[in-house]
């Protein structure tokens, strides 16, 4: 059983995956209460799935970028579980998780997270045969700067603010914004990515996993 933990932004998510089936998942608006809510949500998820910490065989965690405190909390809990129980640990970047939840499409995909101070973090992905692959490094820009970089019909998913939606909507047919459910970053997809890495015998060194921050 693999436990996936994502506390990178104001929405947090946890999931349990047995390698075949997603046994349970919980996503909620943690805002600034990651420390208060995370442990209880993991406990509730284990109980609802009729499982225990002793049944875990691996942990996957979102390493950021995102909220300075949020990212650190998730990594700390994941490391604690992995190191005390000698479990393999996998670290996955925030936008890779979001992109993994999107269906195939020939258009470029811009995955977003809110970076605060009226800024947005993004990376551009392209569908390559079986998965979305990052085409750019992660960058933090203003919403106006992001809009200027979109020059062809593009899918936009992630944390949209009213200001951001206004800037992007002005681009007309160059921007395609899916229904709200597609914008939610879910730990179930983090769990899928975690299992893929474990099956490839490619876990992370817990001592080497550090928060990924952008300035």
Protein backbone atom coordinates (compact mmCIF):
# COMPACT_ATOMS: atom_id res chain seq x y z
CA UNK A 1 0.00 0.00 0.00
CA UNK A 2 1.41 3.38 -1.02
CA UNK A 3 0.47 6.59 0.80
CA UNK A 4 0.59 9.78 -1.30
CA UNK A 5 0.85 13.19 0.39
CA UNK A 6 0.48 16.59 -1.27
CA UNK A 7 0.43 19.75 0.86
CA UNK A 8 2.23 22.05 -1.59
CA UNK A 9 -0.47 24.74 -1.87
CA UNK A 10 -3.62 25.88 -0.10
CA UNK A 11 -5.39 22.71 -1.23
CA UNK A 12 -4.02 19.49 0.28
CA UNK A 13 -4.61 15.91 -0.78
CA UNK A 14 -3.80 12.38 0.46
CA UNK A 15 -4.45 9.01 -1.16
CA UNK A 16 -3.95 5.27 -0.63
CA UNK A 17 -3.11 3.04 -3.60
CA UNK A 18 -2.52 -0.72 -3.40
CA UNK A 19 -0.70 -0.92 -6.73
CA UNK A 20 -3.84 -1.82 -8.65
CA UNK A 21 -6.67 0.21 -7.16
CA UNK A 22 -6.98 3.66 -5.64
CA UNK A 23 -8.33 2.60 -2.25
CA UNK A 24 -9.17 6.07 -1.00
CA UNK A 25 -8.49 9.75 -1.52
CA UNK A 26 -9.20 13.00 0.31
CA UNK A 27 -8.67 16.53 -1.00
CA UNK A 28 -9.50 19.62 1.05
CA UNK A 29 -8.78 23.33 1.42
CA UNK A 30 -6.10 23.37 4.09
CA UNK A 31 -5.21 27.06 3.52
CA UNK A 32 -2.75 27.66 6.41
CA UNK A 33 -3.86 24.67 8.50
CA UNK A 34 -1.74 21.92 6.95
CA UNK A 35 -0.14 21.06 10.29
CA UNK A 36 -3.50 20.77 12.04
CA UNK A 37 -5.32 18.78 9.37
CA UNK A 38 -2.79 16.48 7.68
CA UNK A 39 -2.25 13.83 10.36
CA UNK A 40 -5.95 13.46 11.08
CA UNK A 41 -6.81 13.12 7.37
CA UNK A 42 -4.17 10.38 6.95
CA UNK A 43 -5.57 8.54 9.99
CA UNK A 44 -9.13 8.82 8.69
CA UNK A 45 -8.07 7.60 5.24
CA UNK A 46 -6.30 4.54 6.68
CA UNK A 47 -9.29 3.70 8.85
CA UNK A 48 -11.78 4.16 6.01
CA UNK A 49 -9.69 1.82 3.84
CA UNK A 50 -9.48 -0.76 6.66
CA UNK A 51 -5.70 -0.33 6.71
CA UNK A 52 -2.94 0.65 9.16
CA UNK A 53 0.47 2.34 8.95
CA UNK A 54 2.02 -1.14 9.25
CA UNK A 55 0.45 -2.05 5.88
CA UNK A 56 2.29 0.70 4.03
CA UNK A 57 4.95 -0.38 1.53
CA UNK A 58 5.88 3.05 0.17
CA UNK A 59 5.30 6.80 0.35
CA UNK A 60 5.05 9.41 -2.40
CA UNK A 61 5.20 13.13 -1.65
CA UNK A 62 4.83 16.37 -3.56
CA UNK A 63 8.14 18.27 -3.25
CA UNK A 64 6.91 21.63 -4.55
CA UNK A 65 7.11 24.33 -5.66
CA UNK A 66 4.33 25.96 -3.72
CA UNK A 67 3.77 27.34 -0.25
CA UNK A 68 6.99 27.50 1.77
CA UNK A 69 5.35 26.05 4.88
CA UNK A 70 2.97 23.70 3.08
CA UNK A 71 5.71 21.94 1.11
CA UNK A 72 7.88 21.49 4.20
CA UNK A 73 5.04 19.96 6.22
CA UNK A 74 4.26 17.31 3.62
CA UNK A 75 7.91 16.38 3.14
CA UNK A 76 8.51 16.19 6.89
CA UNK A 77 5.59 13.79 7.41
CA UNK A 78 6.55 11.67 4.40
CA UNK A 79 10.18 11.45 5.50
CA UNK A 80 9.15 10.58 9.03
CA UNK A 81 6.99 7.69 7.83
CA UNK A 82 9.55 6.44 5.32
CA UNK A 83 12.57 6.58 7.60
CA UNK A 84 10.95 5.17 10.76
CA UNK A 85 9.40 2.26 8.83
CA UNK A 86 12.20 1.78 6.27
CA UNK A 87 9.83 2.45 3.37
CA UNK A 88 10.83 3.58 -0.14
CA UNK A 89 10.05 7.25 -0.72
CA UNK A 90 9.34 9.02 -4.03
CA UNK A 91 9.36 12.81 -4.51
CA UNK A 92 7.31 14.32 -7.38
CA UNK A 93 7.10 18.01 -8.42
CA UNK A 94 3.79 19.85 -8.05
CA UNK A 95 3.04 20.50 -11.72
CA UNK A 96 3.90 16.94 -12.81
CA UNK A 97 1.06 15.76 -10.55
CA UNK A 98 -1.39 18.24 -12.05
CA UNK A 99 -0.39 17.36 -15.62
CA UNK A 100 -0.71 13.62 -14.92
CA UNK A 101 -4.42 14.10 -14.25
CA UNK A 102 -5.18 15.55 -17.69
CA UNK A 103 -6.42 13.52 -20.68
CA UNK A 104 -4.33 13.32 -23.88
CA UNK A 105 -4.54 16.35 -26.16
CA UNK A 106 -2.40 17.57 -29.07
CA UNK A 107 -2.41 21.14 -27.78
CA UNK A 108 0.19 22.45 -25.30
CA UNK A 109 -0.82 22.27 -21.64
CA UNK A 110 0.06 25.04 -19.19
CA UNK A 111 -0.10 23.73 -15.61
CA UNK A 112 -0.35 26.47 -12.96
CA UNK A 113 0.02 27.06 -9.25
CA UNK A 114 -0.63 30.29 -7.36
CA UNK A 115 2.67 31.91 -6.37
CA UNK A 116 1.19 34.78 -4.32
CA UNK A 117 1.63 38.54 -4.75
CA UNK A 118 -0.44 38.41 -7.98
CA UNK A 119 2.01 35.99 -9.56
CA UNK A 120 1.59 32.52 -11.02
CA UNK A 121 3.97 29.60 -11.41
CA UNK A 122 3.72 27.54 -14.58
CA UNK A 123 5.34 24.97 -16.84
CA UNK A 124 4.35 23.99 -20.36
CA UNK A 125 3.74 20.30 -21.15
CA UNK A 126 3.25 18.38 -24.41
CA UNK A 127 1.64 14.97 -24.82
CA UNK A 128 4.28 12.42 -25.84
CA UNK A 129 2.78 9.04 -26.80
CA UNK A 130 1.72 7.90 -23.31
CA UNK A 131 2.24 10.84 -20.94
CA UNK A 132 2.58 14.59 -20.59
CA UNK A 133 6.22 15.69 -20.68
CA UNK A 134 7.48 19.06 -19.46
CA UNK A 135 8.65 21.24 -22.33
CA UNK A 136 9.85 24.17 -20.18
CA UNK A 137 11.32 24.77 -16.76
CA UNK A 138 9.00 26.05 -14.04
CA UNK A 139 8.78 29.85 -14.08
CA UNK A 140 7.05 32.45 -11.89
CA UNK A 141 5.54 35.44 -13.71
CA UNK A 142 2.67 37.90 -13.45
CA UNK A 143 -0.63 36.96 -15.04
CA UNK A 144 -0.03 39.59 -17.73
CA UNK A 145 3.36 38.08 -18.56
CA UNK A 146 1.85 34.60 -18.75
CA UNK A 147 -0.83 35.81 -21.17
CA UNK A 148 1.85 37.32 -23.40
CA UNK A 149 3.62 33.94 -23.67
CA UNK A 150 0.59 32.08 -25.01
CA UNK A 151 0.75 32.30 -28.79
CA UNK A 152 -1.28 29.25 -29.92
CA UNK A 153 -4.42 27.39 -28.76
CA UNK A 154 -3.48 26.20 -25.28
CA UNK A 155 -5.03 24.23 -22.43
CA UNK A 156 -4.84 25.95 -19.02
CA UNK A 157 -5.26 23.98 -15.77
CA UNK A 158 -4.48 24.70 -12.13
CA UNK A 159 -4.97 27.44 -9.59
CA UNK A 160 -6.75 30.25 -11.39
CA UNK A 161 -7.50 33.51 -9.59
CA UNK A 162 -10.20 35.96 -10.73
CA UNK A 163 -7.43 38.27 -11.96
CA UNK A 164 -5.77 35.44 -13.84
CA UNK A 165 -9.02 34.30 -15.38
CA UNK A 166 -9.64 37.83 -16.60
CA UNK A 167 -6.20 38.09 -18.23
CA UNK A 168 -6.47 34.70 -19.91
CA UNK A 169 -10.06 35.11 -21.05
CA UNK A 170 -8.97 38.18 -23.02
CA UNK A 171 -6.97 35.83 -25.28
CA UNK A 172 -10.20 34.37 -26.67
CA UNK A 173 -9.79 31.15 -28.65
CA UNK A 174 -6.10 30.92 -27.82
CA UNK A 175 -7.04 29.67 -24.33
CA UNK A 176 -9.11 26.60 -23.47
CA UNK A 177 -10.05 26.34 -19.77
CA UNK A 178 -11.56 22.93 -18.85
CA UNK A 179 -14.31 22.39 -16.28
CA UNK A 180 -13.44 22.99 -12.62
CA UNK A 181 -12.80 19.33 -11.73
CA UNK A 182 -9.79 19.17 -14.07
CA UNK A 183 -8.04 21.96 -12.16
CA UNK A 184 -7.88 20.01 -8.90
CA UNK A 185 -4.46 18.52 -8.09
CA UNK A 186 -5.22 15.08 -6.67
CA UNK A 187 -3.03 12.76 -4.62
CA UNK A 188 -4.45 9.81 -6.55
CA UNK A 189 -2.35 10.86 -9.54
CA UNK A 190 0.66 11.39 -7.27
CA UNK A 191 0.14 7.79 -6.10
CA UNK A 192 0.08 6.57 -9.72
CA UNK A 193 3.37 8.35 -10.40
CA UNK A 194 4.82 6.97 -7.17
CA UNK A 195 3.99 3.38 -8.10
CA UNK A 196 5.48 3.89 -11.56
CA UNK A 197 8.77 4.99 -9.98
CA UNK A 198 8.77 2.12 -7.46
CA UNK A 199 8.12 -0.47 -10.16
CA UNK A 200 11.06 0.97 -12.09
CA UNK A 201 13.11 0.55 -8.91
CA UNK A 202 13.67 4.29 -8.83
CA UNK A 203 12.85 5.53 -5.32
CA UNK A 204 14.34 8.75 -3.95
CA UNK A 205 16.92 8.91 -1.19
CA UNK A 206 14.94 10.31 1.79
CA UNK A 207 18.01 12.28 2.88
CA UNK A 208 18.21 13.93 -0.55
CA UNK A 209 14.57 15.01 -0.80
CA UNK A 210 14.34 18.74 -0.13
CA UNK A 211 11.60 21.27 -0.88
CA UNK A 212 11.65 22.70 -4.39
CA UNK A 213 11.26 26.46 -4.15
CA UNK A 214 11.26 29.19 -6.76
CA UNK A 215 12.24 32.82 -6.14
